[in-house]
C-alpha atoms as a PDB file:
ATOM      1  CA  UNK A   1      -9.443 -16.635 -14.738  1.00  0.00           C
ATOM      2  CA  UNK A   2      -7.461 -14.033 -12.774  1.00  0.00           C
ATOM      3  CA  UNK A   3      -7.513 -11.665 -15.726  1.00  0.00           C
ATOM      4  CA  UNK A   4     -11.277 -12.062 -16.057  1.00  0.00           C
ATOM      5  CA  UNK A   5     -11.826 -11.291 -12.365  1.00  0.00           C
ATOM      6  CA  UNK A   6      -9.572  -8.256 -12.595  1.00  0.00           C
ATOM      7  CA  UNK A   7     -11.506  -6.966 -15.616  1.00  0.00           C
ATOM      8  CA  UNK A   8     -14.817  -7.554 -13.822  1.00  0.00           C
ATOM      9  CA  UNK A   9     -13.589  -5.633 -10.769  1.00  0.00           C
ATOM     10  CA  UNK A  10     -12.426  -2.767 -13.003  1.00  0.00           C
ATOM     11  CA  UNK A  11     -15.805  -2.612 -14.759  1.00  0.00           C
ATOM     12  CA  UNK A  12     -17.638  -2.596 -11.395  1.00  0.00           C
ATOM     13  CA  UNK A  13     -15.504   0.348 -10.255  1.00  0.00           C
ATOM     14  CA  UNK A  14     -16.283   2.250 -13.465  1.00  0.00           C
ATOM     15  CA  UNK A  15     -20.026   1.646 -13.029  1.00  0.00           C
ATOM     16  CA  UNK A  16     -19.902   2.918  -9.425  1.00  0.00           C
ATOM     17  CA  UNK A  17     -18.045   6.036 -10.558  1.00  0.00           C
ATOM     18  CA  UNK A  18     -20.609   6.832 -13.229  1.00  0.00           C
ATOM     19  CA  UNK A  19     -23.447   6.407 -10.723  1.00  0.00           C
ATOM     20  CA  UNK A  20     -21.692   8.555  -8.120  1.00  0.00           C
ATOM     21  CA  UNK A  21     -23.341  11.993  -7.935  1.00  0.00           C
ATOM     22  CA  UNK A  22     -20.198  13.602  -6.527  1.00  0.00           C
ATOM     23  CA  UNK A  23     -18.006  12.077  -9.239  1.00  0.00           C
ATOM     24  CA  UNK A  24     -20.354  13.486 -11.885  1.00  0.00           C
ATOM     25  CA  UNK A  25     -20.519  16.844 -10.119  1.00  0.00           C
ATOM     26  CA  UNK A  26     -16.722  17.093  -9.916  1.00  0.00           C
ATOM     27  CA  UNK A  27     -16.501  16.631 -13.687  1.00  0.00           C
ATOM     28  CA  UNK A  28     -19.213  19.220 -14.311  1.00  0.00           C
ATOM     29  CA  UNK A  29     -17.586  21.835 -12.044  1.00  0.00           C
ATOM     30  CA  UNK A  30     -14.057  21.113 -13.236  1.00  0.00           C
ATOM     31  CA  UNK A  31     -12.663  19.653 -10.011  1.00  0.00           C
ATOM     32  CA  UNK A  32      -9.901  17.096 -10.419  1.00  0.00           C
ATOM     33  CA  UNK A  33     -11.457  14.681  -7.931  1.00  0.00           C
ATOM     34  CA  UNK A  34     -14.648  14.080  -5.964  1.00  0.00           C
ATOM     35  CA  UNK A  35     -12.530  14.681  -2.838  1.00  0.00           C
ATOM     36  CA  UNK A  36     -13.024  18.409  -3.451  1.00  0.00           C
ATOM     37  CA  UNK A  37     -16.535  18.096  -2.029  1.00  0.00           C
ATOM     38  CA  UNK A  38     -15.204  16.508   1.167  1.00  0.00           C
ATOM     39  CA  UNK A  39     -13.086  19.596   1.829  1.00  0.00           C
ATOM     40  CA  UNK A  40     -15.989  21.909   0.964  1.00  0.00           C
ATOM     41  CA  UNK A  41     -18.145  20.076   3.523  1.00  0.00           C
ATOM     42  CA  UNK A  42     -15.390  20.157   6.132  1.00  0.00           C
ATOM     43  CA  UNK A  43     -14.877  23.896   5.694  1.00  0.00           C
ATOM     44  CA  UNK A  44     -18.619  24.550   5.802  1.00  0.00           C
ATOM     45  CA  UNK A  45     -18.806  22.757   9.160  1.00  0.00           C
ATOM     46  CA  UNK A  46     -15.610  24.009  10.810  1.00  0.00           C
ATOM     47  CA  UNK A  47     -14.943  27.273   8.899  1.00  0.00           C
ATOM     48  CA  UNK A  48     -11.139  27.108   8.973  1.00  0.00           C
ATOM     49  CA  UNK A  49     -10.291  28.874   5.675  1.00  0.00           C
ATOM     50  CA  UNK A  50      -9.765  32.624   5.512  1.00  0.00           C
ATOM     51  CA  UNK A  51      -8.838  34.652   2.459  1.00  0.00           C
ATOM     52  CA  UNK A  52      -5.419  35.326   4.014  1.00  0.00           C
ATOM     53  CA  UNK A  53      -4.711  31.778   5.266  1.00  0.00           C
ATOM     54  CA  UNK A  54      -1.324  30.099   4.930  1.00  0.00           C
ATOM     55  CA  UNK A  55      -2.277  26.594   3.762  1.00  0.00           C
ATOM     56  CA  UNK A  56      -0.250  23.395   3.415  1.00  0.00           C
ATOM     57  CA  UNK A  57      -1.879  20.587   1.405  1.00  0.00           C
ATOM     58  CA  UNK A  58      -0.132  17.267   2.071  1.00  0.00           C
ATOM     59  CA  UNK A  59      -0.635  14.431  -0.403  1.00  0.00           C
ATOM     60  CA  UNK A  60      -2.251  16.884  -2.800  1.00  0.00           C
ATOM     61  CA  UNK A  61      -2.374  14.843  -6.034  1.00  0.00           C
ATOM     62  CA  UNK A  62      -4.436  15.102  -8.226  1.00  0.00           C
ATOM     63  CA  UNK A  63      -5.336  18.517  -6.779  1.00  0.00           C
ATOM     64  CA  UNK A  64      -8.987  18.551  -5.682  1.00  0.00           C
ATOM     65  CA  UNK A  65      -8.228  20.034  -2.258  1.00  0.00           C
ATOM     66  CA  UNK A  66      -5.751  22.534  -3.697  1.00  0.00           C
ATOM     67  CA  UNK A  67      -8.412  23.690  -6.177  1.00  0.00           C
ATOM     68  CA  UNK A  68     -10.913  24.313  -3.371  1.00  0.00           C
ATOM     69  CA  UNK A  69      -8.296  26.210  -1.351  1.00  0.00           C
ATOM     70  CA  UNK A  70      -7.275  28.357  -4.309  1.00  0.00           C
ATOM     71  CA  UNK A  71     -10.860  29.543  -4.802  1.00  0.00           C
ATOM     72  CA  UNK A  72     -11.064  30.798  -1.192  1.00  0.00           C
ATOM     73  CA  UNK A  73      -7.523  31.869  -0.276  1.00  0.00           C
ATOM     74  CA  UNK A  74      -6.686  34.845  -2.482  1.00  0.00           C
ATOM     75  CA  UNK A  75      -4.329  36.906  -0.322  1.00  0.00           C
ATOM     76  CA  UNK A  76      -2.591  34.094   1.576  1.00  0.00           C
ATOM     77  CA  UNK A  77      -0.228  31.342   0.427  1.00  0.00           C
ATOM     78  CA  UNK A  78      -0.896  27.737  -0.602  1.00  0.00           C
ATOM     79  CA  UNK A  79       1.788  25.057  -0.815  1.00  0.00           C
ATOM     80  CA  UNK A  80       0.942  21.566  -2.041  1.00  0.00           C
ATOM     81  CA  UNK A  81       3.154  18.487  -1.671  1.00  0.00           C
ATOM     82  CA  UNK A  82       2.931  15.001  -3.114  1.00  0.00           C
ATOM     83  CA  UNK A  83       5.156  12.164  -4.284  1.00  0.00           C
ATOM     84  CA  UNK A  84       3.248  12.244  -7.596  1.00  0.00           C
ATOM     85  CA  UNK A  85       3.530  15.191  -9.939  1.00  0.00           C
ATOM     86  CA  UNK A  86       0.493  17.483  -9.757  1.00  0.00           C
ATOM     87  CA  UNK A  87      -0.487  19.671 -12.689  1.00  0.00           C
ATOM     88  CA  UNK A  88      -0.326  23.444 -12.176  1.00  0.00           C
ATOM     89  CA  UNK A  89      -3.148  25.220 -10.313  1.00  0.00           C
ATOM     90  CA  UNK A  90      -3.377  29.018 -10.213  1.00  0.00           C
ATOM     91  CA  UNK A  91      -2.431  30.522  -6.845  1.00  0.00           C
ATOM     92  CA  UNK A  92      -0.842  27.216  -5.710  1.00  0.00           C
ATOM     93  CA  UNK A  93       2.858  26.310  -5.433  1.00  0.00           C
ATOM     94  CA  UNK A  94       3.658  22.607  -5.786  1.00  0.00           C
ATOM     95  CA  UNK A  95       6.676  20.618  -4.573  1.00  0.00           C
ATOM     96  CA  UNK A  96       7.096  16.994  -5.599  1.00  0.00           C
ATOM     97  CA  UNK A  97       8.521  15.431  -2.440  1.00  0.00           C
ATOM     98  CA  UNK A  98       7.905  13.519   0.803  1.00  0.00           C
ATOM     99  CA  UNK A  99       6.832  15.960   3.511  1.00  0.00           C
ATOM    100  CA  UNK A 100       8.647  13.909   6.168  1.00  0.00           C
ATOM    101  CA  UNK A 101      12.073  14.418   4.571  1.00  0.00           C
ATOM    102  CA  UNK A 102      14.220  16.956   6.386  1.00  0.00           C
ATOM    103  CA  UNK A 103      14.911  18.781   3.124  1.00  0.00           C
ATOM    104  CA  UNK A 104      11.150  19.040   2.498  1.00  0.00           C
ATOM    105  CA  UNK A 105      10.584  20.480   5.977  1.00  0.00           C
ATOM    106  CA  UNK A 106      13.268  23.097   5.302  1.00  0.00           C
ATOM    107  CA  UNK A 107      11.624  23.972   1.972  1.00  0.00           C
ATOM    108  CA  UNK A 108       8.242  24.336   3.699  1.00  0.00           C
ATOM    109  CA  UNK A 109       9.752  26.721   6.254  1.00  0.00           C
ATOM    110  CA  UNK A 110      11.464  28.727   3.513  1.00  0.00           C
ATOM    111  CA  UNK A 111       8.233  28.987   1.530  1.00  0.00           C
ATOM    112  CA  UNK A 112       6.005  30.268   4.332  1.00  0.00           C
ATOM    113  CA  UNK A 113       8.630  32.120   6.408  1.00  0.00           C
ATOM    114  CA  UNK A 114       6.288  31.672   9.379  1.00  0.00           C
ATOM    115  CA  UNK A 115       3.996  29.106  11.012  1.00  0.00           C
ATOM    116  CA  UNK A 116       1.032  27.748   9.017  1.00  0.00           C
ATOM    117  CA  UNK A 117      -2.694  28.441   9.550  1.00  0.00           C
ATOM    118  CA  UNK A 118      -4.077  25.231   8.024  1.00  0.00           C
ATOM    119  CA  UNK A 119      -2.360  21.892   7.513  1.00  0.00           C
ATOM    120  CA  UNK A 120      -4.566  19.456   5.632  1.00  0.00           C
ATOM    121  CA  UNK A 121      -4.080  15.902   4.453  1.00  0.00           C
ATOM    122  CA  UNK A 122      -6.203  13.576   2.360  1.00  0.00           C
ATOM    123  CA  UNK A 123      -3.363  11.068   2.184  1.00  0.00           C
ATOM    124  CA  UNK A 124      -3.975   7.333   2.091  1.00  0.00           C
ATOM    125  CA  UNK A 125      -1.338   4.620   1.837  1.00  0.00           C
ATOM    126  CA  UNK A 126      -1.162   2.591  -1.368  1.00  0.00           C
ATOM    127  CA  UNK A 127      -3.487  -0.397  -1.043  1.00  0.00           C
ATOM    128  CA  UNK A 128      -1.974  -3.833  -0.488  1.00  0.00           C
ATOM    129  CA  UNK A 129      -5.162  -5.919  -0.531  1.00  0.00           C
ATOM    130  CA  UNK A 130      -4.909  -6.347   3.248  1.00  0.00           C
ATOM    131  CA  UNK A 131      -7.558  -3.968   4.630  1.00  0.00           C
ATOM    132  CA  UNK A 132      -6.197  -4.083   8.181  1.00  0.00           C
ATOM    133  CA  UNK A 133      -2.667  -3.257   7.019  1.00  0.00           C
ATOM    134  CA  UNK A 134      -3.922  -0.509   4.703  1.00  0.00           C
ATOM    135  CA  UNK A 135      -5.817   1.037   7.615  1.00  0.00           C
ATOM    136  CA  UNK A 136      -2.749   0.969   9.876  1.00  0.00           C
ATOM    137  CA  UNK A 137      -0.510   2.498   7.192  1.00  0.00           C
ATOM    138  CA  UNK A 138      -2.951   5.303   6.375  1.00  0.00           C
ATOM    139  CA  UNK A 139      -3.483   6.056  10.057  1.00  0.00           C
ATOM    140  CA  UNK A 140       0.278   6.242  10.512  1.00  0.00           C
ATOM    141  CA  UNK A 141       0.234   9.069   7.961  1.00  0.00           C
ATOM    142  CA  UNK A 142      -2.412  10.819  10.073  1.00  0.00           C
ATOM    143  CA  UNK A 143      -0.151  10.396  13.110  1.00  0.00           C
ATOM    144  CA  UNK A 144       2.742  11.862  11.116  1.00  0.00           C
ATOM    145  CA  UNK A 145       0.607  14.894  10.213  1.00  0.00           C
ATOM    146  CA  UNK A 146      -0.306  15.541  13.856  1.00  0.00           C
ATOM    147  CA  UNK A 147       3.338  15.261  14.936  1.00  0.00           C
ATOM    148  CA  UNK A 148       4.451  17.479  12.050  1.00  0.00           C
ATOM    149  CA  UNK A 149       1.918  20.144  13.048  1.00  0.00           C
ATOM    150  CA  UNK A 150       3.495  20.630  16.481  1.00  0.00           C
ATOM    151  CA  UNK A 151       6.499  22.338  14.870  1.00  0.00           C
ATOM    152  CA  UNK A 152       4.890  23.948  11.838  1.00  0.00           C
ATOM    153  CA  UNK A 153       1.376  25.060  12.842  1.00  0.00           C
ATOM    154  CA  UNK A 154       0.402  28.404  14.362  1.00  0.00           C
ATOM    155  CA  UNK A 155      -0.852  28.184  17.984  1.00  0.00           C
ATOM    156  CA  UNK A 156      -4.441  28.798  16.821  1.00  0.00           C
ATOM    157  CA  UNK A 157      -4.024  26.805  13.630  1.00  0.00           C
ATOM    158  CA  UNK A 158      -6.081  23.916  12.279  1.00  0.00           C
ATOM    159  CA  UNK A 159      -5.287  20.387  11.125  1.00  0.00           C
ATOM    160  CA  UNK A 160      -7.592  18.419   8.827  1.00  0.00           C
ATOM    161  CA  UNK A 161      -6.589  14.823   8.166  1.00  0.00           C
ATOM    162  CA  UNK A 162      -8.076  11.646   6.776  1.00  0.00           C
ATOM    163  CA  UNK A 163      -8.018   8.510   8.913  1.00  0.00           C
ATOM    164  CA  UNK A 164      -9.703   5.125   8.870  1.00  0.00           C
ATOM    165  CA  UNK A 165     -11.854   3.621  11.578  1.00  0.00           C
ATOM    166  CA  UNK A 166      -9.687   0.727  12.758  1.00  0.00           C
ATOM    167  CA  UNK A 167      -7.919  -0.837  15.705  1.00  0.00           C
ATOM    168  CA  UNK A 168      -5.530   2.121  16.101  1.00  0.00           C
ATOM    169  CA  UNK A 169      -8.275   4.779  16.033  1.00  0.00           C
ATOM    170  CA  UNK A 170      -8.190   5.195  19.831  1.00  0.00           C
ATOM    171  CA  UNK A 171      -4.422   5.801  19.823  1.00  0.00           C
ATOM    172  CA  UNK A 172      -4.780   8.552  17.221  1.00  0.00           C
ATOM    173  CA  UNK A 173      -7.650  10.109  19.176  1.00  0.00           C
ATOM    174  CA  UNK A 174      -5.484  10.145  22.325  1.00  0.00           C
ATOM    175  CA  UNK A 175      -2.580  11.709  20.428  1.00  0.00           C
ATOM    176  CA  UNK A 176      -4.845  14.378  18.945  1.00  0.00           C
ATOM    177  CA  UNK A 177      -6.396  15.223  22.317  1.00  0.00           C
ATOM    178  CA  UNK A 178      -2.972  15.440  23.950  1.00  0.00           C
ATOM    179  CA  UNK A 179      -1.806  17.833  21.214  1.00  0.00           C
ATOM    180  CA  UNK A 180      -4.876  20.032  20.572  1.00  0.00           C
ATOM    181  CA  UNK A 181      -7.521  21.731  22.694  1.00  0.00           C
ATOM    182  CA  UNK A 182     -10.299  21.000  20.188  1.00  0.00           C
ATOM    183  CA  UNK A 183     -10.662  17.616  18.452  1.00  0.00           C
ATOM    184  CA  UNK A 184     -13.569  16.538  16.236  1.00  0.00           C
ATOM    185  CA  UNK A 185     -14.343  13.693  13.854  1.00  0.00           C
ATOM    186  CA  UNK A 186     -16.537  14.150  10.802  1.00  0.00           C
ATOM    187  CA  UNK A 187     -17.561  11.933   7.887  1.00  0.00           C
ATOM    188  CA  UNK A 188     -18.664  14.089   4.929  1.00  0.00           C
ATOM    189  CA  UNK A 189     -21.742  13.156   2.948  1.00  0.00           C
ATOM    190  CA  UNK A 190     -19.480  12.943  -0.103  1.00  0.00           C
ATOM    191  CA  UNK A 191     -17.553  10.050   1.481  1.00  0.00           C
ATOM    192  CA  UNK A 192     -18.770   6.758   0.091  1.00  0.00           C
ATOM    193  CA  UNK A 193     -21.074   4.863   2.466  1.00  0.00           C
ATOM    194  CA  UNK A 194     -18.931   1.725   2.336  1.00  0.00           C
ATOM    195  CA  UNK A 195     -15.745   3.637   3.125  1.00  0.00           C
ATOM    196  CA  UNK A 196     -14.244   3.451   6.630  1.00  0.00           C
ATOM    197  CA  UNK A 197     -12.709   6.884   6.218  1.00  0.00           C
ATOM    198  CA  UNK A 198     -13.489   9.782   8.485  1.00  0.00           C
ATOM    199  CA  UNK A 199     -11.793  13.139   8.950  1.00  0.00           C
ATOM    200  CA  UNK A 200     -10.025  14.573  11.952  1.00  0.00           C
ATOM    201  CA  UNK A 201     -10.430  18.273  12.712  1.00  0.00           C
ATOM    202  CA  UNK A 202      -8.029  19.679  15.313  1.00  0.00           C
ATOM    203  CA  UNK A 203      -7.708  23.299  16.424  1.00  0.00           C
ATOM    204  CA  UNK A 204      -5.536  25.275  18.879  1.00  0.00           C
ATOM    205  CA  UNK A 205      -2.312  23.624  19.928  1.00  0.00           C
ATOM    206  CA  UNK A 206      -1.834  22.879  23.596  1.00  0.00           C
ATOM    207  CA  UNK A 207       1.239  24.348  25.266  1.00  0.00           C
ATOM    208  CA  UNK A 208       3.759  21.538  25.455  1.00  0.00           C
END
């Protein structure tokens, strides 16, 4: 019975993917994931990429956001990090590591040799089946990104990070507002309607 339910759930997911216009479009345009369109929408709204930007892509696998960045940033630097191995993308350097490790932070500093213009994260915690717990764990990653940006982001830099609408949303909003002068929330059209995800856009660090 359990196997049958699992198979049914898998088939439902496949059907949704085939009906998804952004999934189809990502395949047609050669993007590695539909998430590429989320970043395109975010950049269209907030205009944070420049051709010379120094960009850090956290949780980059399978590479949709790195692909988008590489098409815009041609005279800057792009570093992508993930625990999973990401296949090579032109104009992108990849490190397989946890960005919170001290060694990883040192490698990030050595790569850029200066503060970063854009720190972006589409990270989500591995699902456990407990939606509340999954939300908390993913939002903790968003918190980690904000805290990480204090040391590694340029004063006028930008942070883009996924988070879920949940019980700890207010705490993250408070943290963001205490860290940045400009804080916005935006749900791209390419996000699935049933998803609780939204994206945090932060710009210009406050003087601490």
